[in-house]
Full PDB file with SEQRES, HELIX, SHEET, SSBOND, CRYST1, ORIGX, SCALE, CONECT and MASTER records, all heavy atoms in Angstrom:
SEQRES   1 A   39  LEU THR PRO SER TYR ALA ALA GLY ARG ASP GLU LEU VAL          
SEQRES   2 A   39  ALA ILE SER ARG ALA VAL GLY ALA THR GLY GLN GLY VAL          
SEQRES   3 A   39  LEU GLN LEU VAL THR ASP TRP ASP ASP ASP THR ILE GLU          
HELIX    1 AA1 ARG A    9  ALA A   21  1                                  13    
CRYST1    1.000    1.000    1.000  90.00  90.00  90.00 P 1           1          
ORIGX1      1.000000  0.000000  0.000000        0.00000                         
ORIGX2      0.000000  1.000000  0.000000        0.00000                         
ORIGX3      0.000000  0.000000  1.000000        0.00000                         
SCALE1      1.000000  0.000000  0.000000        0.00000                         
SCALE2      0.000000  1.000000  0.000000        0.00000                         
SCALE3      0.000000  0.000000  1.000000        0.00000                         
ATOM      1  N   LEU A   1       0.829  -1.201   0.000  1.00  0.00           N  
ATOM      2  CA  LEU A   1       0.000   0.000   0.000  1.00  0.00           C  
ATOM      3  C   LEU A   1       0.867   1.256   0.000  1.00  0.00           C  
ATOM      4  O   LEU A   1       1.982   1.263   0.516  1.00  0.00           O  
ATOM      5  CB  LEU A   1      -0.900   0.013   1.245  1.00  0.00           C  
ATOM      6  CG  LEU A   1      -2.068  -0.975   1.231  1.00  0.00           C  
ATOM      7  CD1 LEU A   1      -2.688  -1.071   2.615  1.00  0.00           C  
ATOM      8  CD2 LEU A   1      -3.117  -0.560   0.207  1.00  0.00           C  
ATOM      9  N   THR A   2       0.346   2.321  -0.599  1.00  0.00           N  
ATOM     10  CA  THR A   2       1.067   3.584  -0.625  1.00  0.00           C  
ATOM     11  C   THR A   2       1.436   4.013   0.787  1.00  0.00           C  
ATOM     12  O   THR A   2       0.667   3.800   1.738  1.00  0.00           O  
ATOM     13  CB  THR A   2       0.223   4.669  -1.321  1.00  0.00           C  
ATOM     14  OG1 THR A   2       0.983   5.873  -1.418  1.00  0.00           O  
ATOM     15  CG2 THR A   2      -1.062   4.958  -0.566  1.00  0.00           C  
ATOM     16  N   PRO A   3       2.619   4.589   0.993  1.00  0.00           N  
ATOM     17  CA  PRO A   3       3.071   4.934   2.347  1.00  0.00           C  
ATOM     18  C   PRO A   3       2.132   5.852   3.107  1.00  0.00           C  
ATOM     19  O   PRO A   3       2.135   5.860   4.342  1.00  0.00           O  
ATOM     20  CB  PRO A   3       4.418   5.622   2.090  1.00  0.00           C  
ATOM     21  CG  PRO A   3       4.908   5.031   0.819  1.00  0.00           C  
ATOM     22  CD  PRO A   3       3.682   4.812  -0.012  1.00  0.00           C  
ATOM     23  N   SER A   4       1.324   6.642   2.402  1.00  0.00           N  
ATOM     24  CA  SER A   4       0.435   7.585   3.104  1.00  0.00           C  
ATOM     25  C   SER A   4      -0.862   6.945   3.569  1.00  0.00           C  
ATOM     26  O   SER A   4      -1.642   7.590   4.277  1.00  0.00           O  
ATOM     27  CB  SER A   4       0.106   8.765   2.185  1.00  0.00           C  
ATOM     28  OG  SER A   4      -0.612   8.331   1.043  1.00  0.00           O  
ATOM     29  N   TYR A   5      -1.112   5.678   3.209  1.00  0.00           N  
ATOM     30  CA  TYR A   5      -2.429   5.075   3.430  1.00  0.00           C  
ATOM     31  C   TYR A   5      -2.893   5.167   4.877  1.00  0.00           C  
ATOM     32  O   TYR A   5      -4.028   5.562   5.154  1.00  0.00           O  
ATOM     33  CB  TYR A   5      -2.435   3.606   2.977  1.00  0.00           C  
ATOM     34  CG  TYR A   5      -3.735   2.914   3.306  1.00  0.00           C  
ATOM     35  CD1 TYR A   5      -4.885   3.179   2.567  1.00  0.00           C  
ATOM     36  CD2 TYR A   5      -3.824   2.021   4.365  1.00  0.00           C  
ATOM     37  CE1 TYR A   5      -6.084   2.570   2.875  1.00  0.00           C  
ATOM     38  CE2 TYR A   5      -5.019   1.400   4.682  1.00  0.00           C  
ATOM     39  CZ  TYR A   5      -6.154   1.675   3.936  1.00  0.00           C  
ATOM     40  OH  TYR A   5      -7.344   1.062   4.254  1.00  0.00           O  
ATOM     41  N   ALA A   6      -2.038   4.791   5.798  1.00  0.00           N  
ATOM     42  CA  ALA A   6      -2.447   4.727   7.199  1.00  0.00           C  
ATOM     43  C   ALA A   6      -1.876   5.873   8.033  1.00  0.00           C  
ATOM     44  O   ALA A   6      -1.796   5.771   9.263  1.00  0.00           O  
ATOM     45  CB  ALA A   6      -2.019   3.391   7.807  1.00  0.00           C  
ATOM     46  N   ALA A   7      -1.503   6.956   7.385  1.00  0.00           N  
ATOM     47  CA  ALA A   7      -0.968   8.093   8.138  1.00  0.00           C  
ATOM     48  C   ALA A   7      -1.975   8.573   9.167  1.00  0.00           C  
ATOM     49  O   ALA A   7      -3.190   8.633   8.908  1.00  0.00           O  
ATOM     50  CB  ALA A   7      -0.620   9.224   7.183  1.00  0.00           C  
ATOM     51  N   GLY A   8      -1.487   8.933  10.342  1.00  0.00           N  
ATOM     52  CA  GLY A   8      -2.367   9.334  11.424  1.00  0.00           C  
ATOM     53  C   GLY A   8      -2.983  10.715  11.222  1.00  0.00           C  
ATOM     54  O   GLY A   8      -2.463  11.551  10.473  1.00  0.00           O  
ATOM     55  N   ARG A   9      -4.070  10.934  11.921  1.00  0.00           N  
ATOM     56  CA  ARG A   9      -4.761  12.219  11.851  1.00  0.00           C  
ATOM     57  C   ARG A   9      -3.834  13.364  12.268  1.00  0.00           C  
ATOM     58  O   ARG A   9      -3.819  14.422  11.634  1.00  0.00           O  
ATOM     59  CB  ARG A   9      -5.999  12.169  12.757  1.00  0.00           C  
ATOM     60  CG  ARG A   9      -6.771  13.481  12.862  1.00  0.00           C  
ATOM     61  CD  ARG A   9      -7.811  13.372  13.975  1.00  0.00           C  
ATOM     62  NE  ARG A   9      -8.473  14.637  14.218  1.00  0.00           N  
ATOM     63  CZ  ARG A   9      -9.699  14.943  13.822  1.00  0.00           C  
ATOM     64  NH1 ARG A   9     -10.391  14.065  13.127  1.00  0.00           N  
ATOM     65  NH2 ARG A   9     -10.222  16.117  14.115  1.00  0.00           N  
ATOM     66  N   ASP A  10      -3.069  13.158  13.348  1.00  0.00           N  
ATOM     67  CA  ASP A  10      -2.177  14.222  13.821  1.00  0.00           C  
ATOM     68  C   ASP A  10      -1.201  14.639  12.735  1.00  0.00           C  
ATOM     69  O   ASP A  10      -0.897  15.830  12.573  1.00  0.00           O  
ATOM     70  CB  ASP A  10      -1.410  13.763  15.059  1.00  0.00           C  
ATOM     71  CG  ASP A  10      -2.300  13.642  16.299  1.00  0.00           C  
ATOM     72  OD1 ASP A  10      -3.450  14.112  16.242  1.00  0.00           O  
ATOM     73  OD2 ASP A  10      -1.837  13.070  17.296  1.00  0.00           O  
ATOM     74  N   GLU A  11      -0.685  13.661  12.004  1.00  0.00           N  
ATOM     75  CA  GLU A  11       0.266  13.937  10.930  1.00  0.00           C  
ATOM     76  C   GLU A  11      -0.374  14.783   9.833  1.00  0.00           C  
ATOM     77  O   GLU A  11       0.180  15.799   9.397  1.00  0.00           O  
ATOM     78  CB  GLU A  11       0.758  12.604  10.356  1.00  0.00           C  
ATOM     79  CG  GLU A  11       1.693  12.733   9.181  1.00  0.00           C  
ATOM     80  CD  GLU A  11       2.120  11.362   8.659  1.00  0.00           C  
ATOM     81  OE1 GLU A  11       2.149  10.389   9.454  1.00  0.00           O  
ATOM     82  OE2 GLU A  11       2.418  11.265   7.449  1.00  0.00           O  
ATOM     83  N   LEU A  12      -1.541  14.376   9.377  1.00  0.00           N  
ATOM     84  CA  LEU A  12      -2.205  15.082   8.283  1.00  0.00           C  
ATOM     85  C   LEU A  12      -2.645  16.481   8.696  1.00  0.00           C  
ATOM     86  O   LEU A  12      -2.538  17.432   7.914  1.00  0.00           O  
ATOM     87  CB  LEU A  12      -3.395  14.260   7.783  1.00  0.00           C  
ATOM     88  CG  LEU A  12      -3.002  13.040   6.946  1.00  0.00           C  
ATOM     89  CD1 LEU A  12      -4.130  12.032   6.886  1.00  0.00           C  
ATOM     90  CD2 LEU A  12      -2.586  13.470   5.546  1.00  0.00           C  
ATOM     91  N   VAL A  13      -3.122  16.603   9.905  1.00  0.00           N  
ATOM     92  CA  VAL A  13      -3.546  17.923  10.380  1.00  0.00           C  
ATOM     93  C   VAL A  13      -2.339  18.845  10.536  1.00  0.00           C  
ATOM     94  O   VAL A  13      -2.394  20.036  10.186  1.00  0.00           O  
ATOM     95  CB  VAL A  13      -4.327  17.790  11.704  1.00  0.00           C  
ATOM     96  CG1 VAL A  13      -4.531  19.155  12.358  1.00  0.00           C  
ATOM     97  CG2 VAL A  13      -5.681  17.127  11.450  1.00  0.00           C  
ATOM     98  N   ALA A  14      -1.227  18.308  11.035  1.00  0.00           N  
ATOM     99  CA  ALA A  14      -0.031  19.135  11.215  1.00  0.00           C  
ATOM    100  C   ALA A  14       0.510  19.622   9.873  1.00  0.00           C  
ATOM    101  O   ALA A  14       0.898  20.793   9.727  1.00  0.00           O  
ATOM    102  CB  ALA A  14       1.046  18.353  11.964  1.00  0.00           C  
ATOM    103  N   ILE A  15       0.542  18.739   8.880  1.00  0.00           N  
ATOM    104  CA  ILE A  15       1.007  19.161   7.548  1.00  0.00           C  
ATOM    105  C   ILE A  15       0.059  20.193   6.971  1.00  0.00           C  
ATOM    106  O   ILE A  15       0.485  21.205   6.394  1.00  0.00           O  
ATOM    107  CB  ILE A  15       1.142  17.940   6.620  1.00  0.00           C  
ATOM    108  CG1 ILE A  15       2.221  16.994   7.132  1.00  0.00           C  
ATOM    109  CG2 ILE A  15       1.458  18.397   5.195  1.00  0.00           C  
ATOM    110  CD1 ILE A  15       2.291  15.666   6.388  1.00  0.00           C  
ATOM    111  N   SER A  16      -1.238  19.971   7.124  1.00  0.00           N  
ATOM    112  CA  SER A  16      -2.228  20.930   6.617  1.00  0.00           C  
ATOM    113  C   SER A  16      -2.055  22.289   7.286  1.00  0.00           C  
ATOM    114  O   SER A  16      -2.137  23.335   6.623  1.00  0.00           O  
ATOM    115  CB  SER A  16      -3.642  20.388   6.858  1.00  0.00           C  
ATOM    116  OG  SER A  16      -3.844  19.153   6.210  1.00  0.00           O  
ATOM    117  N   ARG A  17      -1.807  22.280   8.582  1.00  0.00           N  
ATOM    118  CA  ARG A  17      -1.619  23.544   9.311  1.00  0.00           C  
ATOM    119  C   ARG A  17      -0.377  24.270   8.792  1.00  0.00           C  
ATOM    120  O   ARG A  17      -0.382  25.500   8.619  1.00  0.00           O  
ATOM    121  CB  ARG A  17      -1.507  23.276  10.804  1.00  0.00           C  
ATOM    122  CG  ARG A  17      -1.405  24.566  11.648  1.00  0.00           C  
ATOM    123  CD  ARG A  17      -1.385  24.247  13.136  1.00  0.00           C  
ATOM    124  NE  ARG A  17      -2.652  23.669  13.573  1.00  0.00           N  
ATOM    125  CZ  ARG A  17      -2.811  22.405  13.983  1.00  0.00           C  
ATOM    126  NH1 ARG A  17      -1.763  21.575  14.002  1.00  0.00           N  
ATOM    127  NH2 ARG A  17      -3.986  21.968  14.360  1.00  0.00           N  
ATOM    128  N   ALA A  18       0.681  23.521   8.524  1.00  0.00           N  
ATOM    129  CA  ALA A  18       1.907  24.134   8.011  1.00  0.00           C  
ATOM    130  C   ALA A  18       1.683  24.742   6.628  1.00  0.00           C  
ATOM    131  O   ALA A  18       2.202  25.821   6.314  1.00  0.00           O  
ATOM    132  CB  ALA A  18       3.023  23.091   7.958  1.00  0.00           C  
ATOM    133  N   VAL A  19       0.901  24.050   5.790  1.00  0.00           N  
ATOM    134  CA  VAL A  19       0.559  24.606   4.481  1.00  0.00           C  
ATOM    135  C   VAL A  19      -0.225  25.907   4.663  1.00  0.00           C  
ATOM    136  O   VAL A  19       0.059  26.927   4.032  1.00  0.00           O  
ATOM    137  CB  VAL A  19      -0.252  23.592   3.646  1.00  0.00           C  
ATOM    138  CG1 VAL A  19      -0.820  24.248   2.390  1.00  0.00           C  
ATOM    139  CG2 VAL A  19       0.615  22.389   3.261  1.00  0.00           C  
ATOM    140  N   GLY A  20      -1.216  25.877   5.535  1.00  0.00           N  
ATOM    141  CA  GLY A  20      -2.032  27.063   5.771  1.00  0.00           C  
ATOM    142  C   GLY A  20      -1.232  28.244   6.286  1.00  0.00           C  
ATOM    143  O   GLY A  20      -1.536  29.402   5.957  1.00  0.00           O  
ATOM    144  N   ALA A  21      -0.222  27.957   7.079  1.00  0.00           N  
ATOM    145  CA  ALA A  21       0.586  29.045   7.659  1.00  0.00           C  
ATOM    146  C   ALA A  21       1.349  29.827   6.597  1.00  0.00           C  
ATOM    147  O   ALA A  21       1.752  30.968   6.841  1.00  0.00           O  
ATOM    148  CB  ALA A  21       1.557  28.469   8.690  1.00  0.00           C  
ATOM    149  N   THR A  22       1.529  29.247   5.419  1.00  0.00           N  
ATOM    150  CA  THR A  22       2.211  29.972   4.343  1.00  0.00           C  
ATOM    151  C   THR A  22       1.288  31.004   3.693  1.00  0.00           C  
ATOM    152  O   THR A  22       1.759  31.864   2.943  1.00  0.00           O  
ATOM    153  CB  THR A  22       2.709  29.012   3.250  1.00  0.00           C  
ATOM    154  OG1 THR A  22       1.578  28.456   2.550  1.00  0.00           O  
ATOM    155  CG2 THR A  22       3.561  27.897   3.840  1.00  0.00           C  
ATOM    156  N   GLY A  23      -0.006  30.871   3.921  1.00  0.00           N  
ATOM    157  CA  GLY A  23      -0.967  31.785   3.317  1.00  0.00           C  
ATOM    158  C   GLY A  23      -1.293  31.468   1.876  1.00  0.00           C  
ATOM    159  O   GLY A  23      -1.935  32.264   1.186  1.00  0.00           O  
ATOM    160  N   GLN A  24      -0.880  30.308   1.405  1.00  0.00           N  
ATOM    161  CA  GLN A  24      -1.153  29.904   0.026  1.00  0.00           C  
ATOM    162  C   GLN A  24      -1.200  28.391  -0.041  1.00  0.00           C  
ATOM    163  O   GLN A  24      -0.963  27.694   0.937  1.00  0.00           O  
ATOM    164  CB  GLN A  24      -0.080  30.451  -0.928  1.00  0.00           C  
ATOM    165  CG  GLN A  24       1.333  30.007  -0.592  1.00  0.00           C  
ATOM    166  CD  GLN A  24       2.396  30.869  -1.251  1.00  0.00           C  
ATOM    167  OE1 GLN A  24       2.424  32.085  -1.067  1.00  0.00           O  
ATOM    168  NE2 GLN A  24       3.276  30.249  -2.025  1.00  0.00           N  
ATOM    169  N   GLY A  25      -1.550  27.866  -1.221  1.00  0.00           N  
ATOM    170  CA  GLY A  25      -1.578  26.418  -1.394  1.00  0.00           C  
ATOM    171  C   GLY A  25      -2.954  25.821  -1.193  1.00  0.00           C  
ATOM    172  O   GLY A  25      -3.841  26.421  -0.576  1.00  0.00           O  
ATOM    173  N   VAL A  26      -3.126  24.602  -1.724  1.00  0.00           N  
ATOM    174  CA  VAL A  26      -4.384  23.874  -1.623  1.00  0.00           C  
ATOM    175  C   VAL A  26      -4.085  22.469  -1.125  1.00  0.00           C  
ATOM    176  O   VAL A  26      -2.922  22.037  -1.073  1.00  0.00           O  
ATOM    177  CB  VAL A  26      -5.113  23.817  -2.985  1.00  0.00           C  
ATOM    178  CG1 VAL A  26      -5.447  25.217  -3.476  1.00  0.00           C  
ATOM    179  CG2 VAL A  26      -4.281  23.058  -4.023  1.00  0.00           C  
ATOM    180  N   LEU A  27      -5.133  21.732  -0.780  1.00  0.00           N  
ATOM    181  CA  LEU A  27      -5.017  20.347  -0.337  1.00  0.00           C  
ATOM    182  C   LEU A  27      -5.812  19.451  -1.279  1.00  0.00           C  
ATOM    183  O   LEU A  27      -6.878  19.845  -1.762  1.00  0.00           O  
ATOM    184  CB  LEU A  27      -5.546  20.176   1.090  1.00  0.00           C  
ATOM    185  CG  LEU A  27      -5.028  21.125   2.169  1.00  0.00           C  
ATOM    186  CD1 LEU A  27      -5.744  20.846   3.492  1.00  0.00           C  
ATOM    187  CD2 LEU A  27      -3.519  20.968   2.348  1.00  0.00           C  
ATOM    188  N   GLN A  28      -5.303  18.231  -1.516  1.00  0.00           N  
ATOM    189  CA  GLN A  28      -6.028  17.264  -2.345  1.00  0.00           C  
ATOM    190  C   GLN A  28      -5.894  15.887  -1.729  1.00  0.00           C  
ATOM    191  O   GLN A  28      -4.814  15.497  -1.266  1.00  0.00           O  
ATOM    192  CB  GLN A  28      -5.479  17.257  -3.776  1.00  0.00           C  
ATOM    193  CG  GLN A  28      -6.208  16.328  -4.744  1.00  0.00           C  
ATOM    194  CD  GLN A  28      -5.577  14.947  -4.890  1.00  0.00           C  
ATOM    195  OE1 GLN A  28      -4.388  14.777  -4.622  1.00  0.00           O  
ATOM    196  NE2 GLN A  28      -6.351  13.963  -5.293  1.00  0.00           N  
ATOM    197  N   LEU A  29      -7.005  15.130  -1.731  1.00  0.00           N  
ATOM    198  CA  LEU A  29      -7.037  13.826  -1.075  1.00  0.00           C  
ATOM    199  C   LEU A  29      -7.865  12.852  -1.893  1.00  0.00           C  
ATOM    200  O   LEU A  29      -8.877  13.221  -2.496  1.00  0.00           O  
ATOM    201  CB  LEU A  29      -7.622  13.970   0.333  1.00  0.00           C  
ATOM    202  CG  LEU A  29      -7.855  12.718   1.175  1.00  0.00           C  
ATOM    203  CD1 LEU A  29      -7.582  13.003   2.659  1.00  0.00           C  
ATOM    204  CD2 LEU A  29      -9.298  12.212   1.038  1.00  0.00           C  
ATOM    205  N   VAL A  30      -7.438  11.586  -1.888  1.00  0.00           N  
ATOM    206  CA  VAL A  30      -8.237  10.515  -2.477  1.00  0.00           C  
ATOM    207  C   VAL A  30      -8.421   9.442  -1.424  1.00  0.00           C  
ATOM    208  O   VAL A  30      -7.493   9.093  -0.687  1.00  0.00           O  
ATOM    209  CB  VAL A  30      -7.567   9.940  -3.748  1.00  0.00           C  
ATOM    210  CG1 VAL A  30      -6.163   9.445  -3.478  1.00  0.00           C  
ATOM    211  CG2 VAL A  30      -8.413   8.823  -4.355  1.00  0.00           C  
ATOM    212  N   THR A  31      -9.667   8.943  -1.308  1.00  0.00           N  
ATOM    213  CA  THR A  31      -9.981   7.907  -0.343  1.00  0.00           C  
ATOM    214  C   THR A  31     -11.019   6.975  -0.957  1.00  0.00           C  
ATOM    215  O   THR A  31     -11.516   7.214  -2.055  1.00  0.00           O  
ATOM    216  CB  THR A  31     -10.485   8.510   0.985  1.00  0.00           C  
ATOM    217  OG1 THR A  31     -10.635   7.461   1.956  1.00  0.00           O  
ATOM    218  CG2 THR A  31     -11.820   9.221   0.798  1.00  0.00           C  
ATOM    219  N   ASP A  32     -11.374   5.893  -0.242  1.00  0.00           N  
ATOM    220  CA  ASP A  32     -12.257   4.874  -0.806  1.00  0.00           C  
ATOM    221  C   ASP A  32     -13.745   5.129  -0.567  1.00  0.00           C  
ATOM    222  O   ASP A  32     -14.579   4.525  -1.221  1.00  0.00           O  
ATOM    223  CB  ASP A  32     -11.902   3.495  -0.236  1.00  0.00           C  
ATOM    224  CG  ASP A  32     -10.561   2.990  -0.745  1.00  0.00           C  
ATOM    225  OD1 ASP A  32     -10.250   3.225  -1.921  1.00  0.00           O  
ATOM    226  OD2 ASP A  32      -9.833   2.362   0.039  1.00  0.00           O  
ATOM    227  N   TRP A  33     -14.072   5.984   0.393  1.00  0.00           N  
ATOM    228  CA  TRP A  33     -15.473   6.237   0.745  1.00  0.00           C  
ATOM    229  C   TRP A  33     -16.221   4.944   1.094  1.00  0.00           C  
ATOM    230  O   TRP A  33     -17.351   4.720   0.667  1.00  0.00           O  
ATOM    231  CB  TRP A  33     -16.213   6.965  -0.390  1.00  0.00           C  
ATOM    232  CG  TRP A  33     -15.620   8.282  -0.767  1.00  0.00           C  
ATOM    233  CD1 TRP A  33     -15.078   8.620  -1.970  1.00  0.00           C  
ATOM    234  CD2 TRP A  33     -15.498   9.452   0.053  1.00  0.00           C  
ATOM    235  NE1 TRP A  33     -14.626   9.908  -1.959  1.00  0.00           N  
ATOM    236  CE2 TRP A  33     -14.874  10.452  -0.730  1.00  0.00           C  
ATOM    237  CE3 TRP A  33     -15.867   9.749   1.362  1.00  0.00           C  
ATOM    238  CZ2 TRP A  33     -14.598  11.724  -0.244  1.00  0.00           C  
ATOM    239  CZ3 TRP A  33     -15.589  11.010   1.855  1.00  0.00           C  
ATOM    240  CH2 TRP A  33     -14.964  11.977   1.055  1.00  0.00           C  
ATOM    241  N   ASP A  34     -15.574   4.071   1.872  1.00  0.00           N  
ATOM    242  CA  ASP A  34     -16.241   2.859   2.334  1.00  0.00           C  
ATOM    243  C   ASP A  34     -17.264   3.203   3.407  1.00  0.00           C  
ATOM    244  O   ASP A  34     -17.089   4.155   4.173  1.00  0.00           O  
ATOM    245  CB  ASP A  34     -15.224   1.871   2.920  1.00  0.00           C  
ATOM    246  CG  ASP A  34     -14.381   1.215   1.849  1.00  0.00           C  
ATOM    247  OD1 ASP A  34     -14.842   1.155   0.687  1.00  0.00           O  
ATOM    248  OD2 ASP A  34     -13.259   0.770   2.163  1.00  0.00           O  
ATOM    249  N   ASP A  35     -18.319   2.388   3.501  1.00  0.00           N  
ATOM    250  CA  ASP A  35     -19.340   2.634   4.517  1.00  0.00           C  
ATOM    251  C   ASP A  35     -18.749   2.612   5.920  1.00  0.00           C  
ATOM    252  O   ASP A  35     -19.182   3.358   6.807  1.00  0.00           O  
ATOM    253  CB  ASP A  35     -20.459   1.586   4.411  1.00  0.00           C  
ATOM    254  CG  ASP A  35     -21.438   1.888   3.293  1.00  0.00           C  
ATOM    255  OD1 ASP A  35     -21.513   3.065   2.878  1.00  0.00           O  
ATOM    256  OD2 ASP A  35     -22.111   0.959   2.820  1.00  0.00           O  
ATOM    257  N   ASP A  36     -17.753   1.755   6.130  1.00  0.00           N  
ATOM    258  CA  ASP A  36     -17.165   1.619   7.462  1.00  0.00           C  
ATOM    259  C   ASP A  36     -16.322   2.826   7.859  1.00  0.00           C  
ATOM    260  O   ASP A  36     -16.091   3.073   9.044  1.00  0.00           O  
ATOM    261  CB  ASP A  36     -16.282   0.361   7.535  1.00  0.00           C  
ATOM    262  CG  ASP A  36     -17.090  -0.918   7.429  1.00  0.00           C  
ATOM    263  OD1 ASP A  36     -18.312  -0.863   7.655  1.00  0.00           O  
ATOM    264  OD2 ASP A  36     -16.501  -1.956   7.095  1.00  0.00           O  
ATOM    265  N   THR A  37     -15.845   3.578   6.872  1.00  0.00           N  
ATOM    266  CA  THR A  37     -14.920   4.667   7.175  1.00  0.00           C  
ATOM    267  C   THR A  37     -15.396   6.029   6.694  1.00  0.00           C  
ATOM    268  O   THR A  37     -14.695   7.016   6.907  1.00  0.00           O  
ATOM    269  CB  THR A  37     -13.544   4.385   6.531  1.00  0.00           C  
ATOM    270  OG1 THR A  37     -13.710   4.310   5.100  1.00  0.00           O  
ATOM    271  CG2 THR A  37     -12.954   3.081   7.043  1.00  0.00           C  
ATOM    272  N   ILE A  38     -16.559   6.093   6.076  1.00  0.00           N  
ATOM    273  CA  ILE A  38     -16.942   7.340   5.417  1.00  0.00           C  
ATOM    274  C   ILE A  38     -17.085   8.494   6.401  1.00  0.00           C  
ATOM    275  O   ILE A  38     -16.647   9.614   6.130  1.00  0.00           O  
ATOM    276  CB  ILE A  38     -18.236   7.141   4.581  1.00  0.00           C  
ATOM    277  CG1 ILE A  38     -18.443   8.336   3.653  1.00  0.00           C  
ATOM    278  CG2 ILE A  38     -19.450   6.890   5.462  1.00  0.00           C  
ATOM    279  CD1 ILE A  38     -19.480   8.071   2.577  1.00  0.00           C  
ATOM    280  N   GLU A  39     -17.645   8.233   7.588  1.00  0.00           N  
ATOM    281  CA  GLU A  39     -17.777   9.309   8.571  1.00  0.00           C  
ATOM    282  C   GLU A  39     -16.410   9.735   9.106  1.00  0.00           C  
ATOM    283  O   GLU A  39     -16.168  10.923   9.342  1.00  0.00           O  
ATOM    284  CB  GLU A  39     -18.699   8.871   9.713  1.00  0.00           C  
ATOM    285  CG  GLU A  39     -20.155   8.691   9.312  1.00  0.00           C  
ATOM    286  CD  GLU A  39     -20.785   9.965   8.741  1.00  0.00           C  
ATOM    287  OE1 GLU A  39     -20.377  11.082   9.169  1.00  0.00           O  
ATOM    288  OE2 GLU A  39     -21.656   9.857   7.869  1.00  0.00           O  
TER     289      GLU A  39                                                      
MASTER        0    0    0    1    0    0    0    6  288    1    0    3          
END                                                                             
């Protein structure tokens, strides 16, 4: 599986916060939208 598959929430939020702190940039994500994980 791709190395990012099971990355933790803290990791993704921290990277997103760092992107936001630059005042520019966007985020893009792909997921499976399974019933078990959609929420």
